[in-house]
């Protein structure tokens, strides 16, 4: 999913290992086998997905009838969106492919959740906000605040009717999906440019194998 802990999010972290052998000093130009990653909690996509989960958990229990299977389905979709961004971030150091795969799973889960909110409005003949409506633009501005937490939206959950809250949730899911889409573009570009772990290991091994010969040759000049 996390840029980069990804996408348009920043991924600064530092985890690497250097050989302690005295004949092999760290080379600044040498490629890192394990790429750096920062804490997934700083990913904007994760923060937004966590807000979506917290919002959905409360919404489903508040406005859906007890025993309605949609409660578990919506909460599970929201949870999957959040957890797969987390797991993708954790997998990033050893598998770029797995990071991309899990981030895509997060995106698909939130798309399913979005459809549930749309169903909620349509089945009850409740209006869907236009994306450029005053209300939607307000939620969009609120969605730019950092960090994103449920506390920004708690007051709405406690005072607004189901119609308003479902529309707010739809805005939040769209925001999360946008962030994940940007994250995926960055991850895919990184994979094209850097390859996965296997490719990085191959390049690093080749570099270390040619290093002694290069040093020996330089002694004769």
N, C-alpha and C. Protein backbone atom coordinates (compact mmCIF):
# COMPACT_ATOMS: atom_id res chain seq x y z
N UNK A 1 0.41 -0.47 0.00
CA UNK A 1 0.00 0.00 0.00
C UNK A 1 1.19 1.35 0.00
N UNK A 2 2.32 2.81 1.80
CA UNK A 2 2.90 3.29 2.30
C UNK A 2 3.09 2.91 1.42
N UNK A 3 6.69 7.75 0.84
CA UNK A 3 5.94 7.69 0.34
C UNK A 3 6.53 7.14 1.08
N UNK A 4 9.42 6.45 1.12
CA UNK A 4 8.08 6.08 1.15
C UNK A 4 7.94 5.02 2.13
N UNK A 5 6.93 5.59 3.32
CA UNK A 5 6.37 4.40 3.80
C UNK A 5 5.41 4.45 2.99
N UNK A 6 5.10 5.52 1.65
CA UNK A 6 4.96 5.22 0.25
C UNK A 6 4.20 6.31 -0.49
N UNK A 7 3.98 5.99 -1.77
CA UNK A 7 3.14 6.86 -2.55
C UNK A 7 3.56 8.28 -2.39
N UNK A 8 2.61 9.19 -2.14
CA UNK A 8 2.99 10.56 -1.93
C UNK A 8 3.29 10.81 -0.46
N UNK A 9 3.49 9.69 0.33
CA UNK A 9 3.92 9.80 1.71
C UNK A 9 5.43 9.60 1.74
N UNK A 10 6.09 10.16 2.78
CA UNK A 10 7.53 10.04 2.83
C UNK A 10 8.00 8.72 3.42
N UNK A 11 9.09 8.11 2.88
CA UNK A 11 9.60 6.87 3.40
C UNK A 11 11.06 7.05 3.77
N UNK A 12 11.30 7.66 4.94
CA UNK A 12 12.68 7.84 5.34
C UNK A 12 12.94 6.84 6.43
N UNK A 13 13.74 6.08 6.65
CA UNK A 13 13.95 5.16 7.75
C UNK A 13 15.36 4.78 7.65
N UNK A 14 15.88 3.94 8.49
CA UNK A 14 17.23 3.53 8.29
C UNK A 14 17.46 2.18 8.91
N UNK A 15 17.61 1.20 8.06
CA UNK A 15 17.94 -0.12 8.54
C UNK A 15 18.83 -0.74 7.49
N UNK A 16 20.08 -0.95 7.82
CA UNK A 16 21.00 -1.59 6.91
C UNK A 16 22.07 -2.27 7.71
N UNK A 17 22.77 -3.21 7.10
CA UNK A 17 23.87 -3.88 7.77
C UNK A 17 25.10 -3.77 6.90
N UNK A 18 26.28 -3.55 7.54
CA UNK A 18 27.53 -3.46 6.82
C UNK A 18 28.43 -4.59 7.28
N UNK A 19 29.27 -5.06 6.41
CA UNK A 19 30.23 -6.09 6.80
C UNK A 19 31.20 -5.51 7.79
N UNK A 20 31.52 -6.27 8.82
CA UNK A 20 32.48 -5.80 9.82
C UNK A 20 33.90 -6.21 9.46
N UNK A 21 34.09 -6.92 8.31
CA UNK A 21 35.43 -7.34 7.89
C UNK A 21 36.29 -6.13 7.63
N UNK A 22 37.51 -6.05 8.21
CA UNK A 22 38.33 -4.85 8.08
C UNK A 22 38.73 -4.52 6.67
N UNK A 23 38.72 -5.52 5.75
CA UNK A 23 39.15 -5.25 4.38
C UNK A 23 38.02 -4.70 3.53
N UNK A 24 36.82 -4.62 4.11
CA UNK A 24 35.68 -4.14 3.32
C UNK A 24 35.05 -2.95 4.02
N UNK A 25 35.58 -1.76 3.75
CA UNK A 25 35.02 -0.55 4.33
C UNK A 25 33.73 -0.22 3.64
N UNK A 26 32.77 0.36 4.35
CA UNK A 26 31.49 0.73 3.72
C UNK A 26 31.70 1.66 2.55
N UNK A 27 31.06 1.37 1.47
CA UNK A 27 31.16 2.19 0.26
C UNK A 27 29.87 2.98 0.11
N UNK A 28 29.93 4.32 0.19
CA UNK A 28 28.71 5.14 0.10
C UNK A 28 27.93 4.88 -1.17
N UNK A 29 28.64 4.50 -2.24
CA UNK A 29 27.97 4.31 -3.52
C UNK A 29 27.37 2.91 -3.65
N UNK A 30 27.72 2.02 -2.70
CA UNK A 30 27.24 0.65 -2.80
C UNK A 30 25.73 0.59 -2.55
N UNK A 31 25.04 -0.17 -3.35
CA UNK A 31 23.59 -0.26 -3.24
C UNK A 31 23.18 -0.99 -1.96
N UNK A 32 22.17 -0.50 -1.29
CA UNK A 32 21.63 -1.19 -0.12
C UNK A 32 20.76 -2.35 -0.57
N UNK A 33 20.97 -3.51 0.07
CA UNK A 33 20.14 -4.66 -0.24
C UNK A 33 18.76 -4.48 0.38
N UNK A 34 18.72 -4.03 1.64
CA UNK A 34 17.46 -3.74 2.30
C UNK A 34 17.22 -2.25 2.26
N UNK A 35 16.19 -1.83 1.56
CA UNK A 35 15.93 -0.41 1.40
C UNK A 35 15.34 0.15 2.68
N UNK A 36 15.62 1.44 2.99
CA UNK A 36 15.12 2.02 4.24
C UNK A 36 13.62 2.23 4.22
N UNK A 37 13.00 2.11 5.38
CA UNK A 37 11.57 2.37 5.54
C UNK A 37 11.35 3.04 6.88
N UNK A 38 10.35 3.88 6.95
CA UNK A 38 10.01 4.53 8.21
C UNK A 38 8.78 3.85 8.80
N UNK A 39 8.33 4.32 9.94
CA UNK A 39 7.19 3.75 10.63
C UNK A 39 5.93 3.95 9.81
N UNK A 40 5.17 2.86 9.63
CA UNK A 40 3.95 2.93 8.82
C UNK A 40 2.95 3.94 9.37
N UNK A 41 3.04 4.25 10.67
CA UNK A 41 2.08 5.19 11.26
C UNK A 41 2.20 6.59 10.67
N UNK A 42 3.33 6.89 10.04
CA UNK A 42 3.51 8.20 9.44
C UNK A 42 2.98 8.25 8.00
N UNK A 43 2.56 7.12 7.47
CA UNK A 43 1.98 7.11 6.12
C UNK A 43 0.63 7.81 6.14
N UNK A 44 0.43 8.74 5.25
CA UNK A 44 -0.87 9.41 5.17
C UNK A 44 -1.96 8.42 4.79
N UNK A 45 -1.63 7.46 3.94
CA UNK A 45 -2.62 6.47 3.55
C UNK A 45 -3.05 5.63 4.75
N UNK A 46 -2.10 5.27 5.60
CA UNK A 46 -2.45 4.47 6.79
C UNK A 46 -3.30 5.29 7.75
N UNK A 47 -2.91 6.52 7.99
CA UNK A 47 -3.68 7.39 8.89
C UNK A 47 -5.12 7.52 8.41
N UNK A 48 -5.28 7.73 7.10
CA UNK A 48 -6.63 7.90 6.56
C UNK A 48 -7.42 6.60 6.65
N UNK A 49 -6.77 5.47 6.37
CA UNK A 49 -7.44 4.18 6.45
C UNK A 49 -7.85 3.88 7.90
N UNK A 50 -7.05 4.31 8.84
CA UNK A 50 -7.40 4.10 10.25
C UNK A 50 -8.62 4.94 10.63
N UNK A 51 -8.69 6.17 10.12
CA UNK A 51 -9.87 7.00 10.35
C UNK A 51 -11.10 6.32 9.76
N UNK A 52 -10.96 5.78 8.56
CA UNK A 52 -12.08 5.09 7.90
C UNK A 52 -12.54 3.91 8.75
N UNK A 53 -11.60 3.16 9.29
CA UNK A 53 -11.97 2.01 10.13
C UNK A 53 -12.71 2.47 11.39
N UNK A 54 -12.15 3.45 12.10
CA UNK A 54 -12.78 3.94 13.34
C UNK A 54 -14.18 4.49 13.06
N UNK A 55 -14.30 5.21 11.96
CA UNK A 55 -15.59 5.80 11.57
C UNK A 55 -16.59 4.70 11.24
N UNK A 56 -16.15 3.72 10.46
CA UNK A 56 -17.03 2.65 10.01
C UNK A 56 -17.49 1.77 11.17
N UNK A 57 -16.59 1.47 12.09
CA UNK A 57 -16.95 0.64 13.25
C UNK A 57 -18.12 1.27 14.00
N UNK A 58 -18.03 2.57 14.23
CA UNK A 58 -19.09 3.26 14.96
C UNK A 58 -20.37 3.39 14.12
N UNK A 59 -20.19 3.71 12.85
CA UNK A 59 -21.35 3.88 11.97
C UNK A 59 -22.16 2.59 11.88
N UNK A 60 -21.47 1.48 11.62
CA UNK A 60 -22.16 0.21 11.41
C UNK A 60 -22.95 -0.21 12.65
N UNK A 61 -22.34 -0.05 13.81
CA UNK A 61 -23.03 -0.45 15.04
C UNK A 61 -24.16 0.51 15.41
N UNK A 62 -24.04 1.75 14.96
CA UNK A 62 -25.04 2.75 15.33
C UNK A 62 -26.26 2.73 14.43
N UNK A 63 -26.05 2.48 13.13
CA UNK A 63 -27.16 2.67 12.18
C UNK A 63 -27.64 1.39 11.49
N UNK A 64 -26.95 0.29 11.64
CA UNK A 64 -27.40 -0.96 11.04
C UNK A 64 -28.04 -1.85 12.11
N UNK A 65 -29.04 -2.59 11.74
CA UNK A 65 -29.78 -3.42 12.69
C UNK A 65 -28.91 -4.55 13.22
N UNK A 66 -29.10 -4.85 14.48
CA UNK A 66 -28.35 -5.94 15.09
C UNK A 66 -28.65 -7.24 14.33
N UNK A 67 -27.61 -7.98 14.04
CA UNK A 67 -27.78 -9.21 13.27
C UNK A 67 -27.61 -9.02 11.77
N UNK A 68 -27.56 -7.78 11.31
CA UNK A 68 -27.35 -7.50 9.89
C UNK A 68 -25.92 -7.88 9.53
N UNK A 69 -25.76 -8.77 8.56
CA UNK A 69 -24.43 -9.23 8.17
C UNK A 69 -23.57 -8.12 7.59
N UNK A 70 -24.23 -7.07 7.14
CA UNK A 70 -23.47 -5.95 6.57
C UNK A 70 -22.56 -5.30 7.61
N UNK A 71 -22.94 -5.39 8.89
CA UNK A 71 -22.09 -4.81 9.94
C UNK A 71 -20.70 -5.42 9.89
N UNK A 72 -20.65 -6.76 9.94
CA UNK A 72 -19.35 -7.43 9.91
C UNK A 72 -18.63 -7.21 8.59
N UNK A 73 -19.38 -7.19 7.50
CA UNK A 73 -18.76 -7.02 6.18
C UNK A 73 -18.10 -5.65 6.06
N UNK A 74 -18.79 -4.61 6.50
CA UNK A 74 -18.23 -3.27 6.40
C UNK A 74 -17.02 -3.10 7.31
N UNK A 75 -17.14 -3.60 8.53
CA UNK A 75 -16.02 -3.48 9.48
C UNK A 75 -14.81 -4.27 8.98
N UNK A 76 -15.05 -5.46 8.44
CA UNK A 76 -13.95 -6.27 7.93
C UNK A 76 -13.27 -5.60 6.73
N UNK A 77 -14.06 -5.00 5.85
CA UNK A 77 -13.47 -4.31 4.69
C UNK A 77 -12.61 -3.14 5.16
N UNK A 78 -13.12 -2.38 6.14
CA UNK A 78 -12.36 -1.25 6.66
C UNK A 78 -11.09 -1.73 7.35
N UNK A 79 -11.20 -2.82 8.10
CA UNK A 79 -10.04 -3.37 8.78
C UNK A 79 -9.00 -3.87 7.79
N UNK A 80 -9.46 -4.52 6.73
CA UNK A 80 -8.55 -5.02 5.71
C UNK A 80 -7.80 -3.88 5.02
N UNK A 81 -8.51 -2.77 4.78
CA UNK A 81 -7.85 -1.61 4.18
C UNK A 81 -6.71 -1.12 5.03
N UNK A 82 -6.94 -1.01 6.32
CA UNK A 82 -5.91 -0.53 7.24
C UNK A 82 -4.77 -1.55 7.42
N UNK A 83 -5.13 -2.80 7.71
CA UNK A 83 -4.13 -3.81 8.04
C UNK A 83 -3.23 -4.16 6.86
N UNK A 84 -3.76 -4.12 5.65
CA UNK A 84 -2.92 -4.48 4.50
C UNK A 84 -1.93 -3.38 4.15
N UNK A 85 -2.25 -2.14 4.45
CA UNK A 85 -1.24 -1.08 4.31
C UNK A 85 -0.12 -1.31 5.31
N UNK A 86 -0.50 -1.64 6.53
CA UNK A 86 0.48 -1.93 7.58
C UNK A 86 1.37 -3.11 7.17
N UNK A 87 0.75 -4.22 6.77
CA UNK A 87 1.51 -5.41 6.43
C UNK A 87 2.38 -5.19 5.19
N UNK A 88 1.87 -4.41 4.24
CA UNK A 88 2.68 -4.10 3.07
C UNK A 88 3.91 -3.31 3.43
N UNK A 89 3.74 -2.37 4.34
CA UNK A 89 4.88 -1.57 4.80
C UNK A 89 5.91 -2.44 5.49
N UNK A 90 5.45 -3.38 6.31
CA UNK A 90 6.37 -4.26 7.02
C UNK A 90 7.09 -5.21 6.06
N UNK A 91 6.42 -5.58 4.96
CA UNK A 91 7.03 -6.50 3.99
C UNK A 91 8.00 -5.78 3.05
N UNK A 92 8.02 -4.45 3.11
CA UNK A 92 8.74 -3.66 2.11
C UNK A 92 10.23 -3.98 2.05
N UNK A 93 10.86 -4.23 3.18
CA UNK A 93 12.31 -4.41 3.16
C UNK A 93 12.74 -5.66 2.42
N UNK A 94 11.94 -6.69 2.45
CA UNK A 94 12.36 -7.95 1.85
C UNK A 94 11.63 -8.30 0.56
N UNK A 95 10.50 -7.64 0.28
CA UNK A 95 9.76 -8.00 -0.93
C UNK A 95 8.95 -6.82 -1.45
N UNK A 96 9.46 -6.19 -2.48
CA UNK A 96 8.73 -5.11 -3.11
C UNK A 96 7.43 -5.63 -3.73
N UNK A 97 7.51 -6.85 -4.30
CA UNK A 97 6.31 -7.43 -4.90
C UNK A 97 5.20 -7.62 -3.87
N UNK A 98 5.57 -8.11 -2.68
CA UNK A 98 4.57 -8.33 -1.64
C UNK A 98 4.00 -7.00 -1.15
N UNK A 99 4.85 -6.00 -1.05
CA UNK A 99 4.38 -4.67 -0.64
C UNK A 99 3.32 -4.15 -1.60
N UNK A 100 3.59 -4.27 -2.89
CA UNK A 100 2.63 -3.82 -3.90
C UNK A 100 1.36 -4.65 -3.84
N UNK A 101 1.50 -5.97 -3.69
CA UNK A 101 0.34 -6.85 -3.64
C UNK A 101 -0.57 -6.51 -2.46
N UNK A 102 0.00 -6.34 -1.28
CA UNK A 102 -0.80 -6.05 -0.09
C UNK A 102 -1.43 -4.66 -0.16
N UNK A 103 -0.72 -3.71 -0.74
CA UNK A 103 -1.29 -2.38 -0.90
C UNK A 103 -2.47 -2.41 -1.86
N UNK A 104 -2.37 -3.24 -2.89
CA UNK A 104 -3.50 -3.42 -3.81
C UNK A 104 -4.69 -4.07 -3.11
N UNK A 105 -4.43 -5.00 -2.19
CA UNK A 105 -5.51 -5.62 -1.43
C UNK A 105 -6.21 -4.57 -0.58
N UNK A 106 -5.43 -3.67 0.04
CA UNK A 106 -6.02 -2.59 0.83
C UNK A 106 -6.93 -1.73 -0.03
N UNK A 107 -6.47 -1.42 -1.23
CA UNK A 107 -7.25 -0.59 -2.15
C UNK A 107 -8.56 -1.28 -2.53
N UNK A 108 -8.50 -2.57 -2.81
CA UNK A 108 -9.71 -3.32 -3.19
C UNK A 108 -10.69 -3.40 -2.03
N UNK A 109 -10.18 -3.56 -0.81
CA UNK A 109 -11.05 -3.65 0.36
C UNK A 109 -11.80 -2.35 0.59
N UNK A 110 -11.12 -1.24 0.42
CA UNK A 110 -11.78 0.05 0.61
C UNK A 110 -12.77 0.34 -0.50
N UNK A 111 -12.52 -0.17 -1.68
CA UNK A 111 -13.48 -0.02 -2.78
C UNK A 111 -14.78 -0.78 -2.46
N UNK A 112 -14.63 -1.95 -1.86
CA UNK A 112 -15.80 -2.72 -1.45
C UNK A 112 -16.57 -1.98 -0.36
N UNK A 113 -15.84 -1.38 0.58
CA UNK A 113 -16.48 -0.60 1.63
C UNK A 113 -17.23 0.60 1.05
N UNK A 114 -16.62 1.25 0.08
CA UNK A 114 -17.26 2.39 -0.58
C UNK A 114 -18.60 1.98 -1.16
N UNK A 115 -18.64 0.82 -1.78
CA UNK A 115 -19.89 0.34 -2.38
C UNK A 115 -20.95 0.08 -1.31
N UNK A 116 -20.54 -0.38 -0.14
CA UNK A 116 -21.50 -0.59 0.95
C UNK A 116 -22.12 0.72 1.41
N UNK A 117 -21.31 1.77 1.51
CA UNK A 117 -21.86 3.07 1.89
C UNK A 117 -22.81 3.61 0.82
N UNK A 118 -22.45 3.40 -0.44
CA UNK A 118 -23.33 3.83 -1.53
C UNK A 118 -24.64 3.05 -1.49
N UNK A 119 -24.55 1.74 -1.20
CA UNK A 119 -25.76 0.93 -1.06
C UNK A 119 -26.64 1.46 0.07
N UNK A 120 -26.01 1.85 1.17
CA UNK A 120 -26.76 2.35 2.32
C UNK A 120 -27.62 3.55 1.92
N UNK A 121 -27.05 4.47 1.17
CA UNK A 121 -27.79 5.66 0.74
C UNK A 121 -28.86 5.30 -0.28
N UNK A 122 -28.49 4.51 -1.26
CA UNK A 122 -29.42 4.20 -2.36
C UNK A 122 -30.63 3.41 -1.87
N UNK A 123 -30.39 2.41 -1.00
CA UNK A 123 -31.49 1.57 -0.53
C UNK A 123 -32.48 2.33 0.34
N UNK A 124 -32.04 3.44 0.88
CA UNK A 124 -32.92 4.23 1.75
C UNK A 124 -33.38 5.53 1.08
N UNK A 125 -33.10 5.65 -0.22
CA UNK A 125 -33.48 6.85 -0.99
C UNK A 125 -32.92 8.12 -0.35
N UNK A 126 -31.67 8.02 0.11
CA UNK A 126 -30.99 9.17 0.69
C UNK A 126 -30.04 9.77 -0.35
N UNK A 127 -29.89 11.09 -0.37
CA UNK A 127 -29.08 11.73 -1.41
C UNK A 127 -27.58 11.53 -1.21
N UNK A 128 -26.89 11.42 -2.31
CA UNK A 128 -25.43 11.35 -2.33
C UNK A 128 -24.88 12.73 -2.67
N UNK A 129 -23.94 13.23 -1.87
CA UNK A 129 -23.38 14.55 -2.13
C UNK A 129 -22.64 14.58 -3.46
N UNK A 130 -22.79 15.65 -4.19
CA UNK A 130 -21.94 15.90 -5.35
C UNK A 130 -20.52 16.16 -4.86
N UNK A 131 -19.54 15.70 -5.61
CA UNK A 131 -18.15 15.82 -5.15
C UNK A 131 -17.70 17.27 -5.00
N UNK A 132 -18.39 18.20 -5.66
CA UNK A 132 -18.04 19.61 -5.54
C UNK A 132 -19.05 20.40 -4.71
N UNK A 133 -19.88 19.68 -3.96
CA UNK A 133 -20.84 20.35 -3.10
C UNK A 133 -20.12 21.03 -1.93
N UNK A 134 -20.80 21.96 -1.30
CA UNK A 134 -20.22 22.66 -0.16
C UNK A 134 -19.81 21.69 0.94
N UNK A 135 -20.66 20.70 1.18
CA UNK A 135 -20.39 19.73 2.25
C UNK A 135 -19.16 18.87 1.92
N UNK A 136 -19.11 18.40 0.68
CA UNK A 136 -17.98 17.55 0.28
C UNK A 136 -16.67 18.33 0.30
N UNK A 137 -16.71 19.58 -0.11
CA UNK A 137 -15.50 20.40 -0.10
C UNK A 137 -15.02 20.65 1.33
N UNK A 138 -15.97 20.78 2.25
CA UNK A 138 -15.61 20.96 3.66
C UNK A 138 -14.88 19.72 4.18
N UNK A 139 -15.41 18.54 3.89
CA UNK A 139 -14.76 17.31 4.33
C UNK A 139 -13.40 17.14 3.66
N UNK A 140 -13.30 17.57 2.42
CA UNK A 140 -12.02 17.49 1.71
C UNK A 140 -10.97 18.38 2.38
N UNK A 141 -11.38 19.58 2.79
CA UNK A 141 -10.44 20.47 3.49
C UNK A 141 -10.03 19.88 4.83
N UNK A 142 -11.00 19.32 5.54
CA UNK A 142 -10.70 18.70 6.82
C UNK A 142 -9.76 17.51 6.64
N UNK A 143 -9.90 16.84 5.52
CA UNK A 143 -9.07 15.68 5.24
C UNK A 143 -7.62 16.02 4.96
N UNK A 144 -7.30 17.29 4.78
CA UNK A 144 -5.91 17.70 4.53
C UNK A 144 -5.15 17.98 5.82
N UNK A 145 -5.87 18.02 6.94
CA UNK A 145 -5.19 18.28 8.21
C UNK A 145 -4.28 17.11 8.56
N UNK A 146 -3.16 17.41 9.19
CA UNK A 146 -2.23 16.36 9.61
C UNK A 146 -1.90 16.52 11.08
N UNK A 147 -1.78 15.42 11.81
CA UNK A 147 -2.08 14.07 11.32
C UNK A 147 -3.59 13.85 11.24
N UNK A 148 -3.99 12.86 10.46
CA UNK A 148 -5.40 12.49 10.38
C UNK A 148 -5.74 11.51 11.49
N UNK A 149 -6.71 11.87 12.32
CA UNK A 149 -7.18 10.97 13.39
C UNK A 149 -8.70 11.04 13.45
N UNK A 150 -9.29 10.06 14.09
CA UNK A 150 -10.75 10.04 14.22
C UNK A 150 -11.26 11.22 15.03
N UNK A 151 -10.43 11.78 15.89
CA UNK A 151 -10.87 12.89 16.72
C UNK A 151 -11.34 14.08 15.88
N UNK A 152 -10.83 14.21 14.67
CA UNK A 152 -11.27 15.29 13.79
C UNK A 152 -12.74 15.13 13.39
N UNK A 153 -13.25 13.91 13.48
CA UNK A 153 -14.59 13.60 12.99
C UNK A 153 -15.54 13.11 14.09
N UNK A 154 -15.04 12.96 15.30
CA UNK A 154 -15.85 12.41 16.39
C UNK A 154 -17.12 13.24 16.62
N UNK A 155 -16.99 14.55 16.57
CA UNK A 155 -18.15 15.41 16.81
C UNK A 155 -19.27 15.18 15.82
N UNK A 156 -18.92 14.88 14.57
CA UNK A 156 -19.94 14.60 13.56
C UNK A 156 -20.65 13.28 13.88
N UNK A 157 -19.87 12.28 14.27
CA UNK A 157 -20.45 10.98 14.58
C UNK A 157 -21.46 11.08 15.73
N UNK A 158 -21.22 11.99 16.65
CA UNK A 158 -22.08 12.10 17.82
C UNK A 158 -23.31 12.97 17.58
N UNK A 159 -23.30 13.79 16.51
CA UNK A 159 -24.39 14.75 16.35
C UNK A 159 -25.11 14.70 15.01
N UNK A 160 -24.55 14.08 13.99
CA UNK A 160 -25.14 14.12 12.66
C UNK A 160 -25.97 12.87 12.37
N UNK A 161 -26.97 12.99 11.48
CA UNK A 161 -27.79 11.84 11.11
C UNK A 161 -27.03 10.89 10.19
N UNK A 162 -27.62 9.71 10.00
CA UNK A 162 -26.99 8.68 9.19
C UNK A 162 -26.68 9.16 7.77
N UNK A 163 -27.59 9.90 7.18
CA UNK A 163 -27.39 10.40 5.81
C UNK A 163 -26.09 11.21 5.70
N UNK A 164 -25.88 12.13 6.63
CA UNK A 164 -24.69 12.96 6.61
C UNK A 164 -23.44 12.12 6.86
N UNK A 165 -23.51 11.22 7.82
CA UNK A 165 -22.34 10.42 8.18
C UNK A 165 -21.94 9.47 7.05
N UNK A 166 -22.92 8.90 6.36
CA UNK A 166 -22.58 8.03 5.24
C UNK A 166 -21.87 8.82 4.14
N UNK A 167 -22.32 10.03 3.91
CA UNK A 167 -21.65 10.87 2.91
C UNK A 167 -20.25 11.27 3.34
N UNK A 168 -20.08 11.57 4.63
CA UNK A 168 -18.74 11.87 5.14
C UNK A 168 -17.83 10.66 4.94
N UNK A 169 -18.34 9.48 5.27
CA UNK A 169 -17.55 8.26 5.11
C UNK A 169 -17.14 8.06 3.65
N UNK A 170 -18.07 8.32 2.73
CA UNK A 170 -17.76 8.18 1.31
C UNK A 170 -16.62 9.13 0.91
N UNK A 171 -16.67 10.36 1.41
CA UNK A 171 -15.58 11.31 1.15
C UNK A 171 -14.26 10.78 1.70
N UNK A 172 -14.28 10.23 2.91
CA UNK A 172 -13.06 9.72 3.53
C UNK A 172 -12.48 8.54 2.76
N UNK A 173 -13.36 7.64 2.30
CA UNK A 173 -12.87 6.49 1.54
C UNK A 173 -12.26 6.96 0.21
N UNK A 174 -12.89 7.93 -0.44
CA UNK A 174 -12.31 8.46 -1.68
C UNK A 174 -10.93 9.06 -1.41
N UNK A 175 -10.78 9.76 -0.30
CA UNK A 175 -9.48 10.33 0.06
C UNK A 175 -8.45 9.24 0.29
N UNK A 176 -8.84 8.20 1.01
CA UNK A 176 -7.92 7.08 1.26
C UNK A 176 -7.52 6.40 -0.04
N UNK A 177 -8.48 6.19 -0.92
CA UNK A 177 -8.18 5.53 -2.20
C UNK A 177 -7.24 6.38 -3.05
N UNK A 178 -7.43 7.69 -3.03
CA UNK A 178 -6.53 8.56 -3.77
C UNK A 178 -5.10 8.42 -3.25
N UNK A 179 -4.94 8.43 -1.94
CA UNK A 179 -3.61 8.31 -1.35
C UNK A 179 -2.97 6.96 -1.68
N UNK A 180 -3.77 5.90 -1.64
CA UNK A 180 -3.24 4.58 -1.98
C UNK A 180 -2.86 4.51 -3.45
N UNK A 181 -3.65 5.12 -4.32
CA UNK A 181 -3.31 5.13 -5.75
C UNK A 181 -1.97 5.82 -5.98
N UNK A 182 -1.74 6.94 -5.30
CA UNK A 182 -0.46 7.65 -5.43
C UNK A 182 0.67 6.79 -4.89
N UNK A 183 0.40 6.11 -3.79
CA UNK A 183 1.39 5.24 -3.18
C UNK A 183 1.77 4.11 -4.13
N UNK A 184 0.78 3.51 -4.77
CA UNK A 184 1.04 2.41 -5.70
C UNK A 184 1.85 2.86 -6.90
N UNK A 185 1.59 4.06 -7.40
CA UNK A 185 2.38 4.58 -8.52
C UNK A 185 3.84 4.68 -8.14
N UNK A 186 4.10 5.18 -6.94
CA UNK A 186 5.47 5.32 -6.47
C UNK A 186 6.13 3.95 -6.29
N UNK A 187 5.41 3.02 -5.68
CA UNK A 187 5.96 1.68 -5.47
C UNK A 187 6.28 0.99 -6.80
N UNK A 188 5.39 1.13 -7.76
CA UNK A 188 5.62 0.50 -9.06
C UNK A 188 6.82 1.12 -9.77
N UNK A 189 6.98 2.44 -9.66
CA UNK A 189 8.14 3.08 -10.26
C UNK A 189 9.43 2.64 -9.58
N UNK A 190 9.37 2.51 -8.25
CA UNK A 190 10.54 2.03 -7.51
C UNK A 190 10.92 0.62 -7.96
N UNK A 191 9.92 -0.22 -8.17
CA UNK A 191 10.20 -1.59 -8.57
C UNK A 191 10.83 -1.63 -9.97
N UNK A 192 10.32 -0.80 -10.87
CA UNK A 192 10.88 -0.74 -12.22
C UNK A 192 12.33 -0.26 -12.18
N UNK A 193 12.62 0.74 -11.36
CA UNK A 193 13.96 1.33 -11.31
C UNK A 193 14.95 0.50 -10.50
N UNK A 194 14.48 -0.10 -9.39
CA UNK A 194 15.39 -0.76 -8.47
C UNK A 194 15.30 -2.28 -8.49
N UNK A 195 14.17 -2.81 -8.95
CA UNK A 195 13.94 -4.24 -8.87
C UNK A 195 13.55 -4.65 -7.48
N UNK A 196 13.42 -5.96 -7.28
CA UNK A 196 13.09 -6.49 -5.97
C UNK A 196 14.35 -6.90 -5.23
N UNK A 197 14.16 -7.62 -4.13
CA UNK A 197 15.29 -8.02 -3.30
C UNK A 197 16.27 -8.89 -4.07
N UNK A 198 15.77 -9.83 -4.88
CA UNK A 198 16.65 -10.73 -5.63
C UNK A 198 17.57 -9.94 -6.57
N UNK A 199 16.99 -8.96 -7.26
CA UNK A 199 17.80 -8.16 -8.17
C UNK A 199 18.84 -7.34 -7.42
N UNK A 200 18.45 -6.78 -6.27
CA UNK A 200 19.41 -5.98 -5.50
C UNK A 200 20.54 -6.84 -4.95
N UNK A 201 20.22 -8.05 -4.51
CA UNK A 201 21.25 -8.96 -4.00
C UNK A 201 22.23 -9.34 -5.11
N UNK A 202 21.70 -9.59 -6.31
CA UNK A 202 22.56 -9.95 -7.44
C UNK A 202 23.51 -8.82 -7.77
N UNK A 203 22.98 -7.58 -7.82
CA UNK A 203 23.85 -6.44 -8.13
C UNK A 203 24.89 -6.21 -7.05
N UNK A 204 24.49 -6.35 -5.80
CA UNK A 204 25.42 -6.14 -4.70
C UNK A 204 26.51 -7.20 -4.70
N UNK A 205 26.14 -8.46 -4.95
CA UNK A 205 27.13 -9.54 -5.00
C UNK A 205 28.14 -9.30 -6.12
N UNK A 206 27.63 -8.90 -7.28
CA UNK A 206 28.53 -8.64 -8.41
C UNK A 206 29.47 -7.49 -8.10
N UNK A 207 28.96 -6.46 -7.43
CA UNK A 207 29.79 -5.32 -7.07
C UNK A 207 30.90 -5.72 -6.12
N UNK A 208 30.58 -6.56 -5.13
CA UNK A 208 31.58 -6.97 -4.15
C UNK A 208 32.61 -7.92 -4.75
N UNK A 209 32.19 -8.71 -5.74
CA UNK A 209 33.12 -9.64 -6.37
C UNK A 209 34.14 -8.92 -7.23
N UNK A 210 33.75 -7.81 -7.84
CA UNK A 210 34.67 -7.07 -8.70
C UNK A 210 35.54 -6.09 -7.92
N UNK A 211 35.17 -5.80 -6.67
CA UNK A 211 35.89 -4.80 -5.88
C UNK A 211 37.34 -5.18 -5.62
N UNK A 212 37.68 -6.45 -5.19
CA UNK A 212 39.09 -6.80 -4.95
C UNK A 212 39.95 -6.65 -6.20
N UNK A 213 39.40 -7.08 -7.35
CA UNK A 213 40.17 -6.96 -8.59
C UNK A 213 40.42 -5.51 -8.94
N UNK A 214 39.46 -4.66 -8.70
CA UNK A 214 39.63 -3.23 -8.99
C UNK A 214 40.69 -2.62 -8.10
N UNK A 215 40.71 -3.00 -6.80
CA UNK A 215 41.72 -2.47 -5.90
C UNK A 215 43.10 -2.94 -6.27
N UNK A 216 43.21 -4.24 -6.69
CA UNK A 216 44.52 -4.78 -7.07
C UNK A 216 45.05 -4.08 -8.31
N UNK A 217 44.17 -3.82 -9.27
CA UNK A 217 44.58 -3.14 -10.49
C UNK A 217 45.05 -1.75 -10.19
N UNK A 218 44.36 -1.07 -9.25
CA UNK A 218 44.74 0.33 -8.94
C UNK A 218 46.10 0.42 -8.29
N UNK A 219 46.58 -0.66 -7.67
CA UNK A 219 47.90 -0.62 -7.02
C UNK A 219 49.02 -0.52 -8.05
N UNK A 220 48.73 -0.90 -9.27
CA UNK A 220 49.77 -0.91 -10.30
C UNK A 220 49.78 0.39 -11.11
N UNK A 221 48.97 1.35 -10.68
CA UNK A 221 48.91 2.62 -11.42
C UNK A 221 49.23 3.78 -10.50
